[in-house]
Amino acid sequence: MKEFFQKLTDGTIENQKPDGLEILNSMKRAKITEPGVIQWSEMCFCSPPLKHERQTVYDKYFSFIKINSIEDYVEFNGESFFEYLKKLDE
């Protein structure tokens, strides 16, 4: 996860086209909702959803991803995943 945080903060992911900025912002919105569970919402126009994001980023760092279609961003309660990653990096 340290590598993931580094790529989130050094511009590697943010500069990825076409979805890097959305991935970065999604991870900033992500919440740890229970031990081992991270939830976030993300806009995606791929078919299937998150295809490119998974191929380039998510499948490298997450072992199980469940995808639900949404109409708009959803906020989740819990500890900030981004802040959790930041603490791991210190």
PDB file of N, CA and C in Angstrom:
ATOM      1  N   MET A   1       0.816  -1.205   0.000  1.00  0.00           N
ATOM      2  CA  MET A   1       0.000   0.000   0.000  1.00  0.00           C
ATOM      3  C   MET A   1       0.857   1.265   0.000  1.00  0.00           C
ATOM      4  N   LYS A   2       2.096   1.163   0.503  1.00  0.00           N
ATOM      5  CA  LYS A   2       2.977   2.335   0.461  1.00  0.00           C
ATOM      6  C   LYS A   2       3.230   2.753  -0.987  1.00  0.00           C
ATOM      7  N   GLU A   3       3.437   1.763  -1.852  1.00  0.00           N
ATOM      8  CA  GLU A   3       3.658   2.063  -3.268  1.00  0.00           C
ATOM      9  C   GLU A   3       2.424   2.732  -3.871  1.00  0.00           C
ATOM     10  N   PHE A   4       1.252   2.248  -3.508  1.00  0.00           N
ATOM     11  CA  PHE A   4       0.008   2.824  -4.005  1.00  0.00           C
ATOM     12  C   PHE A   4      -0.092   4.288  -3.590  1.00  0.00           C
ATOM     13  N   PHE A   5       0.170   4.579  -2.316  1.00  0.00           N
ATOM     14  CA  PHE A   5       0.103   5.964  -1.843  1.00  0.00           C
ATOM     15  C   PHE A   5       1.131   6.833  -2.564  1.00  0.00           C
ATOM     16  N   GLN A   6       2.320   6.301  -2.764  1.00  0.00           N
ATOM     17  CA  GLN A   6       3.349   7.062  -3.478  1.00  0.00           C
ATOM     18  C   GLN A   6       2.868   7.429  -4.878  1.00  0.00           C
ATOM     19  N   LYS A   7       2.278   6.467  -5.577  1.00  0.00           N
ATOM     20  CA  LYS A   7       1.796   6.733  -6.939  1.00  0.00           C
ATOM     21  C   LYS A   7       0.597   7.677  -6.940  1.00  0.00           C
ATOM     22  N   LEU A   8      -0.193   7.641  -5.867  1.00  0.00           N
ATOM     23  CA  LEU A   8      -1.313   8.579  -5.750  1.00  0.00           C
ATOM     24  C   LEU A   8      -0.826  10.003  -5.520  1.00  0.00           C
ATOM     25  N   THR A   9       0.307  10.154  -4.859  1.00  0.00           N
ATOM     26  CA  THR A   9       0.759  11.491  -4.471  1.00  0.00           C
ATOM     27  C   THR A   9       1.893  12.050  -5.318  1.00  0.00           C
ATOM     28  N   ASP A  10       2.535  11.226  -6.133  1.00  0.00           N
ATOM     29  CA  ASP A  10       3.653  11.745  -6.934  1.00  0.00           C
ATOM     30  C   ASP A  10       3.268  12.108  -8.367  1.00  0.00           C
ATOM     31  N   GLY A  11       1.972  12.019  -8.685  1.00  0.00           N
ATOM     32  CA  GLY A  11       1.509  12.384 -10.017  1.00  0.00           C
ATOM     33  C   GLY A  11       1.398  11.224 -10.986  1.00  0.00           C
ATOM     34  N   THR A  12       1.929  10.059 -10.620  1.00  0.00           N
ATOM     35  CA  THR A  12       1.887   8.904 -11.524  1.00  0.00           C
ATOM     36  C   THR A  12       0.457   8.565 -11.916  1.00  0.00           C
ATOM     37  N   ILE A  13      -0.401   8.399 -10.927  1.00  0.00           N
ATOM     38  CA  ILE A  13      -1.796   8.036 -11.210  1.00  0.00           C
ATOM     39  C   ILE A  13      -2.566   9.237 -11.731  1.00  0.00           C
ATOM     40  N   GLU A  14      -2.379  10.384 -11.128  1.00  0.00           N
ATOM     41  CA  GLU A  14      -3.107  11.592 -11.551  1.00  0.00           C
ATOM     42  C   GLU A  14      -2.900  11.894 -13.034  1.00  0.00           C
ATOM     43  N   ASN A  15      -1.714  11.638 -13.547  1.00  0.00           N
ATOM     44  CA  ASN A  15      -1.403  11.944 -14.944  1.00  0.00           C
ATOM     45  C   ASN A  15      -1.796  10.842 -15.917  1.00  0.00           C
ATOM     46  N   GLN A  16      -2.331   9.744 -15.410  1.00  0.00           N
ATOM     47  CA  GLN A  16      -2.771   8.654 -16.274  1.00  0.00           C
ATOM     48  C   GLN A  16      -4.002   9.084 -17.057  1.00  0.00           C
ATOM     49  N   LYS A  17      -3.994   8.866 -18.337  1.00  0.00           N
ATOM     50  CA  LYS A  17      -5.135   9.218 -19.183  1.00  0.00           C
ATOM     51  C   LYS A  17      -5.949   7.974 -19.485  1.00  0.00           C
ATOM     52  N   PRO A  18      -7.245   8.043 -19.511  1.00  0.00           N
ATOM     53  CA  PRO A  18      -8.087   9.219 -19.329  1.00  0.00           C
ATOM     54  C   PRO A  18      -8.632   9.370 -17.908  1.00  0.00           C
ATOM     55  N   ASP A  19      -8.250   8.472 -16.990  1.00  0.00           N
ATOM     56  CA  ASP A  19      -8.980   8.351 -15.728  1.00  0.00           C
ATOM     57  C   ASP A  19      -8.179   8.644 -14.464  1.00  0.00           C
ATOM     58  N   GLY A  20      -6.961   9.094 -14.594  1.00  0.00           N
ATOM     59  CA  GLY A  20      -6.094   9.268 -13.432  1.00  0.00           C
ATOM     60  C   GLY A  20      -6.624  10.217 -12.377  1.00  0.00           C
ATOM     61  N   LEU A  21      -7.111  11.366 -12.804  1.00  0.00           N
ATOM     62  CA  LEU A  21      -7.627  12.337 -11.834  1.00  0.00           C
ATOM     63  C   LEU A  21      -8.848  11.776 -11.102  1.00  0.00           C
ATOM     64  N   GLU A  22      -9.694  11.047 -11.803  1.00  0.00           N
ATOM     65  CA  GLU A  22     -10.870  10.446 -11.158  1.00  0.00           C
ATOM     66  C   GLU A  22     -10.449   9.369 -10.159  1.00  0.00           C
ATOM     67  N   ILE A  23      -9.435   8.585 -10.496  1.00  0.00           N
ATOM     68  CA  ILE A  23      -8.931   7.586  -9.549  1.00  0.00           C
ATOM     69  C   ILE A  23      -8.408   8.279  -8.297  1.00  0.00           C
ATOM     70  N   LEU A  24      -7.588   9.315  -8.475  1.00  0.00           N
ATOM     71  CA  LEU A  24      -7.046  10.054  -7.335  1.00  0.00           C
ATOM     72  C   LEU A  24      -8.166  10.609  -6.460  1.00  0.00           C
ATOM     73  N   ASN A  25      -9.125  11.273  -7.067  1.00  0.00           N
ATOM     74  CA  ASN A  25     -10.231  11.852  -6.296  1.00  0.00           C
ATOM     75  C   ASN A  25     -11.088  10.776  -5.633  1.00  0.00           C
ATOM     76  N   SER A  26     -11.256   9.649  -6.294  1.00  0.00           N
ATOM     77  CA  SER A  26     -12.016   8.544  -5.706  1.00  0.00           C
ATOM     78  C   SER A  26     -11.325   8.008  -4.466  1.00  0.00           C
ATOM     79  N   MET A  27     -10.008   7.892  -4.525  1.00  0.00           N
ATOM     80  CA  MET A  27      -9.267   7.397  -3.364  1.00  0.00           C
ATOM     81  C   MET A  27      -9.275   8.418  -2.230  1.00  0.00           C
ATOM     82  N   LYS A  28      -9.371   9.686  -2.558  1.00  0.00           N
ATOM     83  CA  LYS A  28      -9.502  10.711  -1.513  1.00  0.00           C
ATOM     84  C   LYS A  28     -10.882  10.651  -0.855  1.00  0.00           C
ATOM     85  N   ARG A  29     -11.899  10.177  -1.591  1.00  0.00           N
ATOM     86  CA  ARG A  29     -13.253  10.021  -1.037  1.00  0.00           C
ATOM     87  C   ARG A  29     -13.436   8.679  -0.328  1.00  0.00           C
ATOM     88  N   ALA A  30     -12.569   7.725  -0.608  1.00  0.00           N
ATOM     89  CA  ALA A  30     -12.729   6.354  -0.109  1.00  0.00           C
ATOM     90  C   ALA A  30     -12.700   6.300   1.411  1.00  0.00           C
ATOM     91  N   LYS A  31     -13.509   5.401   1.956  1.00  0.00           N
ATOM     92  CA  LYS A  31     -13.596   5.215   3.411  1.00  0.00           C
ATOM     93  C   LYS A  31     -13.389   3.744   3.762  1.00  0.00           C
ATOM     94  N   ILE A  32     -12.723   3.528   4.875  1.00  0.00           N
ATOM     95  CA  ILE A  32     -12.627   2.186   5.448  1.00  0.00           C
ATOM     96  C   ILE A  32     -13.887   2.022   6.287  1.00  0.00           C
ATOM     97  N   THR A  33     -14.816   1.217   5.804  1.00  0.00           N
ATOM     98  CA  THR A  33     -16.124   1.105   6.449  1.00  0.00           C
ATOM     99  C   THR A  33     -16.185  -0.019   7.477  1.00  0.00           C
ATOM    100  N   GLU A  34     -15.278  -0.967   7.385  1.00  0.00           N
ATOM    101  CA  GLU A  34     -15.099  -2.029   8.372  1.00  0.00           C
ATOM    102  C   GLU A  34     -13.739  -2.650   8.089  1.00  0.00           C
ATOM    103  N   PRO A  35     -13.196  -3.418   9.022  1.00  0.00           N
ATOM    104  CA  PRO A  35     -11.867  -3.979   8.786  1.00  0.00           C
ATOM    105  C   PRO A  35     -11.789  -4.736   7.455  1.00  0.00           C
ATOM    106  N   GLY A  36     -10.837  -4.354   6.630  1.00  0.00           N
ATOM    107  CA  GLY A  36     -10.634  -5.013   5.348  1.00  0.00           C
ATOM    108  C   GLY A  36     -11.569  -4.576   4.240  1.00  0.00           C
ATOM    109  N   VAL A  37     -12.430  -3.585   4.499  1.00  0.00           N
ATOM    110  CA  VAL A  37     -13.398  -3.135   3.493  1.00  0.00           C
ATOM    111  C   VAL A  37     -13.214  -1.643   3.235  1.00  0.00           C
ATOM    112  N   ILE A  38     -12.992  -1.311   1.972  1.00  0.00           N
ATOM    113  CA  ILE A  38     -12.857   0.083   1.550  1.00  0.00           C
ATOM    114  C   ILE A  38     -13.946   0.341   0.520  1.00  0.00           C
ATOM    115  N   GLN A  39     -14.702   1.427   0.724  1.00  0.00           N
ATOM    116  CA  GLN A  39     -15.778   1.761  -0.205  1.00  0.00           C
ATOM    117  C   GLN A  39     -15.557   3.156  -0.758  1.00  0.00           C
ATOM    118  N   TRP A  40     -15.872   3.301  -2.048  1.00  0.00           N
ATOM    119  CA  TRP A  40     -15.799   4.604  -2.691  1.00  0.00           C
ATOM    120  C   TRP A  40     -16.742   4.622  -3.873  1.00  0.00           C
ATOM    121  N   SER A  41     -17.013   5.808  -4.362  1.00  0.00           N
ATOM    122  CA  SER A  41     -17.806   5.938  -5.582  1.00  0.00           C
ATOM    123  C   SER A  41     -16.935   6.611  -6.631  1.00  0.00           C
ATOM    124  N   GLU A  42     -17.215   6.264  -7.865  1.00  0.00           N
ATOM    125  CA  GLU A  42     -16.371   6.742  -8.958  1.00  0.00           C
ATOM    126  C   GLU A  42     -17.190   6.816 -10.237  1.00  0.00           C
ATOM    127  N   MET A  43     -16.985   7.884 -10.994  1.00  0.00           N
ATOM    128  CA  MET A  43     -17.616   7.997 -12.305  1.00  0.00           C
ATOM    129  C   MET A  43     -16.765   7.242 -13.316  1.00  0.00           C
ATOM    130  N   CYS A  44     -17.406   6.428 -14.120  1.00  0.00           N
ATOM    131  CA  CYS A  44     -16.692   5.632 -15.113  1.00  0.00           C
ATOM    132  C   CYS A  44     -17.598   5.428 -16.318  1.00  0.00           C
ATOM    133  N   PHE A  45     -17.003   5.496 -17.484  1.00  0.00           N
ATOM    134  CA  PHE A  45     -17.771   5.330 -18.714  1.00  0.00           C
ATOM    135  C   PHE A  45     -17.318   4.099 -19.491  1.00  0.00           C
ATOM    136  N   CYS A  46     -16.550   3.223 -18.836  1.00  0.00           N
ATOM    137  CA  CYS A  46     -16.067   1.993 -19.463  1.00  0.00           C
ATOM    138  C   CYS A  46     -17.179   0.940 -19.493  1.00  0.00           C
ATOM    139  N   SER A  47     -17.007  -0.004 -20.374  1.00  0.00           N
ATOM    140  CA  SER A  47     -17.861  -1.176 -20.381  1.00  0.00           C
ATOM    141  C   SER A  47     -16.935  -2.386 -20.467  1.00  0.00           C
ATOM    142  N   PRO A  48     -16.887  -3.176 -19.421  1.00  0.00           N
ATOM    143  CA  PRO A  48     -17.602  -3.085 -18.155  1.00  0.00           C
ATOM    144  C   PRO A  48     -17.043  -1.964 -17.279  1.00  0.00           C
ATOM    145  N   PRO A  49     -17.828  -1.524 -16.287  1.00  0.00           N
ATOM    146  CA  PRO A  49     -17.381  -0.434 -15.414  1.00  0.00           C
ATOM    147  C   PRO A  49     -16.025  -0.725 -14.760  1.00  0.00           C
ATOM    148  N   LEU A  50     -15.213   0.292 -14.693  1.00  0.00           N
ATOM    149  CA  LEU A  50     -13.875   0.281 -14.093  1.00  0.00           C
ATOM    150  C   LEU A  50     -12.889  -0.635 -14.820  1.00  0.00           C
ATOM    151  N   LYS A  51     -13.173  -0.990 -16.052  1.00  0.00           N
ATOM    152  CA  LYS A  51     -12.283  -1.885 -16.801  1.00  0.00           C
ATOM    153  C   LYS A  51     -10.858  -1.324 -16.862  1.00  0.00           C
ATOM    154  N   HIS A  52     -10.704  -0.109 -17.343  1.00  0.00           N
ATOM    155  CA  HIS A  52      -9.369   0.476 -17.481  1.00  0.00           C
ATOM    156  C   HIS A  52      -8.733   0.736 -16.121  1.00  0.00           C
ATOM    157  N   GLU A  53      -9.516   1.232 -15.178  1.00  0.00           N
ATOM    158  CA  GLU A  53      -9.008   1.520 -13.841  1.00  0.00           C
ATOM    159  C   GLU A  53      -8.481   0.255 -13.167  1.00  0.00           C
ATOM    160  N   ARG A  54      -9.189  -0.839 -13.349  1.00  0.00           N
ATOM    161  CA  ARG A  54      -8.753  -2.111 -12.757  1.00  0.00           C
ATOM    162  C   ARG A  54      -7.496  -2.623 -13.442  1.00  0.00           C
ATOM    163  N   GLN A  55      -7.462  -2.544 -14.761  1.00  0.00           N
ATOM    164  CA  GLN A  55      -6.297  -3.044 -15.493  1.00  0.00           C
ATOM    165  C   GLN A  55      -5.032  -2.265 -15.151  1.00  0.00           C
ATOM    166  N   THR A  56      -5.161  -0.977 -14.950  1.00  0.00           N
ATOM    167  CA  THR A  56      -3.983  -0.133 -14.765  1.00  0.00           C
ATOM    168  C   THR A  56      -3.620   0.140 -13.310  1.00  0.00           C
ATOM    169  N   VAL A  57      -4.588   0.080 -12.398  1.00  0.00           N
ATOM    170  CA  VAL A  57      -4.305   0.456 -11.011  1.00  0.00           C
ATOM    171  C   VAL A  57      -4.909  -0.522 -10.001  1.00  0.00           C
ATOM    172  N   TYR A  58      -6.216  -0.594  -9.936  1.00  0.00           N
ATOM    173  CA  TYR A  58      -6.886  -1.242  -8.814  1.00  0.00           C
ATOM    174  C   TYR A  58      -6.524  -2.708  -8.610  1.00  0.00           C
ATOM    175  N   ASP A  59      -6.424  -3.492  -9.677  1.00  0.00           N
ATOM    176  CA  ASP A  59      -6.130  -4.916  -9.505  1.00  0.00           C
ATOM    177  C   ASP A  59      -4.730  -5.161  -8.950  1.00  0.00           C
ATOM    178  N   LYS A  60      -3.870  -4.157  -8.983  1.00  0.00           N
ATOM    179  CA  LYS A  60      -2.526  -4.282  -8.408  1.00  0.00           C
ATOM    180  C   LYS A  60      -2.551  -4.129  -6.887  1.00  0.00           C
ATOM    181  N   TYR A  61      -3.571  -3.456  -6.361  1.00  0.00           N
ATOM    182  CA  TYR A  61      -3.579  -3.107  -4.940  1.00  0.00           C
ATOM    183  C   TYR A  61      -4.765  -3.660  -4.153  1.00  0.00           C
ATOM    184  N   PHE A  62      -5.799  -4.104  -4.833  1.00  0.00           N
ATOM    185  CA  PHE A  62      -6.982  -4.641  -4.157  1.00  0.00           C
ATOM    186  C   PHE A  62      -7.217  -6.071  -4.621  1.00  0.00           C
ATOM    187  N   SER A  63      -7.582  -6.952  -3.675  1.00  0.00           N
ATOM    188  CA  SER A  63      -7.753  -8.363  -4.020  1.00  0.00           C
ATOM    189  C   SER A  63      -9.183  -8.719  -4.419  1.00  0.00           C
ATOM    190  N   PHE A  64     -10.145  -7.912  -4.041  1.00  0.00           N
ATOM    191  CA  PHE A  64     -11.539  -8.193  -4.393  1.00  0.00           C
ATOM    192  C   PHE A  64     -12.262  -6.870  -4.588  1.00  0.00           C
ATOM    193  N   ILE A  65     -12.878  -6.707  -5.730  1.00  0.00           N
ATOM    194  CA  ILE A  65     -13.622  -5.475  -6.010  1.00  0.00           C
ATOM    195  C   ILE A  65     -15.035  -5.853  -6.419  1.00  0.00           C
ATOM    196  N   LYS A  66     -16.001  -5.298  -5.722  1.00  0.00           N
ATOM    197  CA  LYS A  66     -17.413  -5.477  -6.064  1.00  0.00           C
ATOM    198  C   LYS A  66     -17.894  -4.154  -6.641  1.00  0.00           C
ATOM    199  N   ILE A  67     -18.524  -4.198  -7.789  1.00  0.00           N
ATOM    200  CA  ILE A  67     -18.944  -2.984  -8.489  1.00  0.00           C
ATOM    201  C   ILE A  67     -20.463  -2.903  -8.529  1.00  0.00           C
ATOM    202  N   ASN A  68     -20.988  -1.744  -8.129  1.00  0.00           N
ATOM    203  CA  ASN A  68     -22.416  -1.448  -8.221  1.00  0.00           C
ATOM    204  C   ASN A  68     -22.587  -0.193  -9.058  1.00  0.00           C
ATOM    205  N   SER A  69     -23.542  -0.197  -9.963  1.00  0.00           N
ATOM    206  CA  SER A  69     -23.823   1.001 -10.752  1.00  0.00           C
ATOM    207  C   SER A  69     -24.513   2.045  -9.888  1.00  0.00           C
ATOM    208  N   ILE A  70     -24.132   3.302 -10.082  1.00  0.00           N
ATOM    209  CA  ILE A  70     -24.728   4.416  -9.342  1.00  0.00           C
ATOM    210  C   ILE A  70     -25.030   5.544 -10.315  1.00  0.00           C
ATOM    211  N   GLU A  71     -25.872   6.449  -9.907  1.00  0.00           N
ATOM    212  CA  GLU A  71     -26.218   7.600 -10.736  1.00  0.00           C
ATOM    213  C   GLU A  71     -25.373   8.823 -10.406  1.00  0.00           C
ATOM    214  N   ASP A  72     -24.886   8.892  -9.158  1.00  0.00           N
ATOM    215  CA  ASP A  72     -24.105  10.039  -8.701  1.00  0.00           C
ATOM    216  C   ASP A  72     -23.164   9.547  -7.613  1.00  0.00           C
ATOM    217  N   TYR A  73     -22.233  10.383  -7.223  1.00  0.00           N
ATOM    218  CA  TYR A  73     -21.305  10.010  -6.165  1.00  0.00           C
ATOM    219  C   TYR A  73     -22.064   9.669  -4.890  1.00  0.00           C
ATOM    220  N   VAL A  74     -21.540   8.694  -4.165  1.00  0.00           N
ATOM    221  CA  VAL A  74     -22.104   8.263  -2.896  1.00  0.00           C
ATOM    222  C   VAL A  74     -21.050   8.516  -1.827  1.00  0.00           C
ATOM    223  N   GLU A  75     -21.476   9.045  -0.683  1.00  0.00           N
ATOM    224  CA  GLU A  75     -20.560   9.245   0.436  1.00  0.00           C
ATOM    225  C   GLU A  75     -20.731   8.097   1.414  1.00  0.00           C
ATOM    226  N   PHE A  76     -19.610   7.600   1.922  1.00  0.00           N
ATOM    227  CA  PHE A  76     -19.621   6.509   2.888  1.00  0.00           C
ATOM    228  C   PHE A  76     -19.069   7.013   4.212  1.00  0.00           C
ATOM    229  N   ASN A  77     -19.519   6.406   5.293  1.00  0.00           N
ATOM    230  CA  ASN A  77     -19.015   6.734   6.623  1.00  0.00           C
ATOM    231  C   ASN A  77     -17.854   5.811   6.955  1.00  0.00           C
ATOM    232  N   GLY A  78     -16.881   6.353   7.651  1.00  0.00           N
ATOM    233  CA  GLY A  78     -15.744   5.549   8.068  1.00  0.00           C
ATOM    234  C   GLY A  78     -14.472   6.369   8.074  1.00  0.00           C
ATOM    235  N   GLU A  79     -13.370   5.694   8.347  1.00  0.00           N
ATOM    236  CA  GLU A  79     -12.055   6.340   8.362  1.00  0.00           C
ATOM    237  C   GLU A  79     -11.604   6.625   6.929  1.00  0.00           C
ATOM    238  N   SER A  80     -10.998   7.768   6.726  1.00  0.00           N
ATOM    239  CA  SER A  80     -10.480   8.124   5.412  1.00  0.00           C
ATOM    240  C   SER A  80      -9.396   7.131   4.984  1.00  0.00           C
ATOM    241  N   PHE A  81      -9.591   6.495   3.847  1.00  0.00           N
ATOM    242  CA  PHE A  81      -8.595   5.572   3.313  1.00  0.00           C
ATOM    243  C   PHE A  81      -7.320   6.319   2.936  1.00  0.00           C
ATOM    244  N   PHE A  82      -7.462   7.509   2.381  1.00  0.00           N
ATOM    245  CA  PHE A  82      -6.307   8.312   1.984  1.00  0.00           C
ATOM    246  C   PHE A  82      -5.460   8.670   3.209  1.00  0.00           C
ATOM    247  N   GLU A  83      -6.114   9.061   4.300  1.00  0.00           N
ATOM    248  CA  GLU A  83      -5.379   9.385   5.530  1.00  0.00           C
ATOM    249  C   GLU A  83      -4.721   8.139   6.117  1.00  0.00           C
ATOM    250  N   TYR A  84      -5.389   7.010   6.003  1.00  0.00           N
ATOM    251  CA  TYR A  84      -4.812   5.741   6.446  1.00  0.00           C
ATOM    252  C   TYR A  84      -3.533   5.453   5.665  1.00  0.00           C
ATOM    253  N   LEU A  85      -3.582   5.623   4.350  1.00  0.00           N
ATOM    254  CA  LEU A  85      -2.394   5.407   3.526  1.00  0.00           C
ATOM    255  C   LEU A  85      -1.286   6.383   3.888  1.00  0.00           C
ATOM    256  N   LYS A  86      -1.665   7.618   4.162  1.00  0.00           N
ATOM    257  CA  LYS A  86      -0.679   8.638   4.540  1.00  0.00           C
ATOM    258  C   LYS A  86       0.053   8.226   5.819  1.00  0.00           C
ATOM    259  N   LYS A  87      -0.686   7.696   6.798  1.00  0.00           N
ATOM    260  CA  LYS A  87      -0.068   7.254   8.056  1.00  0.00           C
ATOM    261  C   LYS A  87       0.901   6.098   7.816  1.00  0.00           C
ATOM    262  N   LEU A  88       0.556   5.194   6.909  1.00  0.00           N
ATOM    263  CA  LEU A  88       1.444   4.076   6.594  1.00  0.00           C
ATOM    264  C   LEU A  88       2.751   4.561   5.986  1.00  0.00           C
ATOM    265  N   ASP A  89       2.686   5.683   5.299  1.00  0.00           N
ATOM    266  CA  ASP A  89       3.849   6.213   4.593  1.00  0.00           C
ATOM    267  C   ASP A  89       4.795   6.980   5.515  1.00  0.00           C
ATOM    268  N   GLU A  90       4.333   7.336   6.704  1.00  0.00           N
ATOM    269  CA  GLU A  90       5.162   8.142   7.622  1.00  0.00           C
ATOM    270  C   GLU A  90       6.235   7.318   8.298  1.00  0.00           C
TER     271      GLU A  90
END
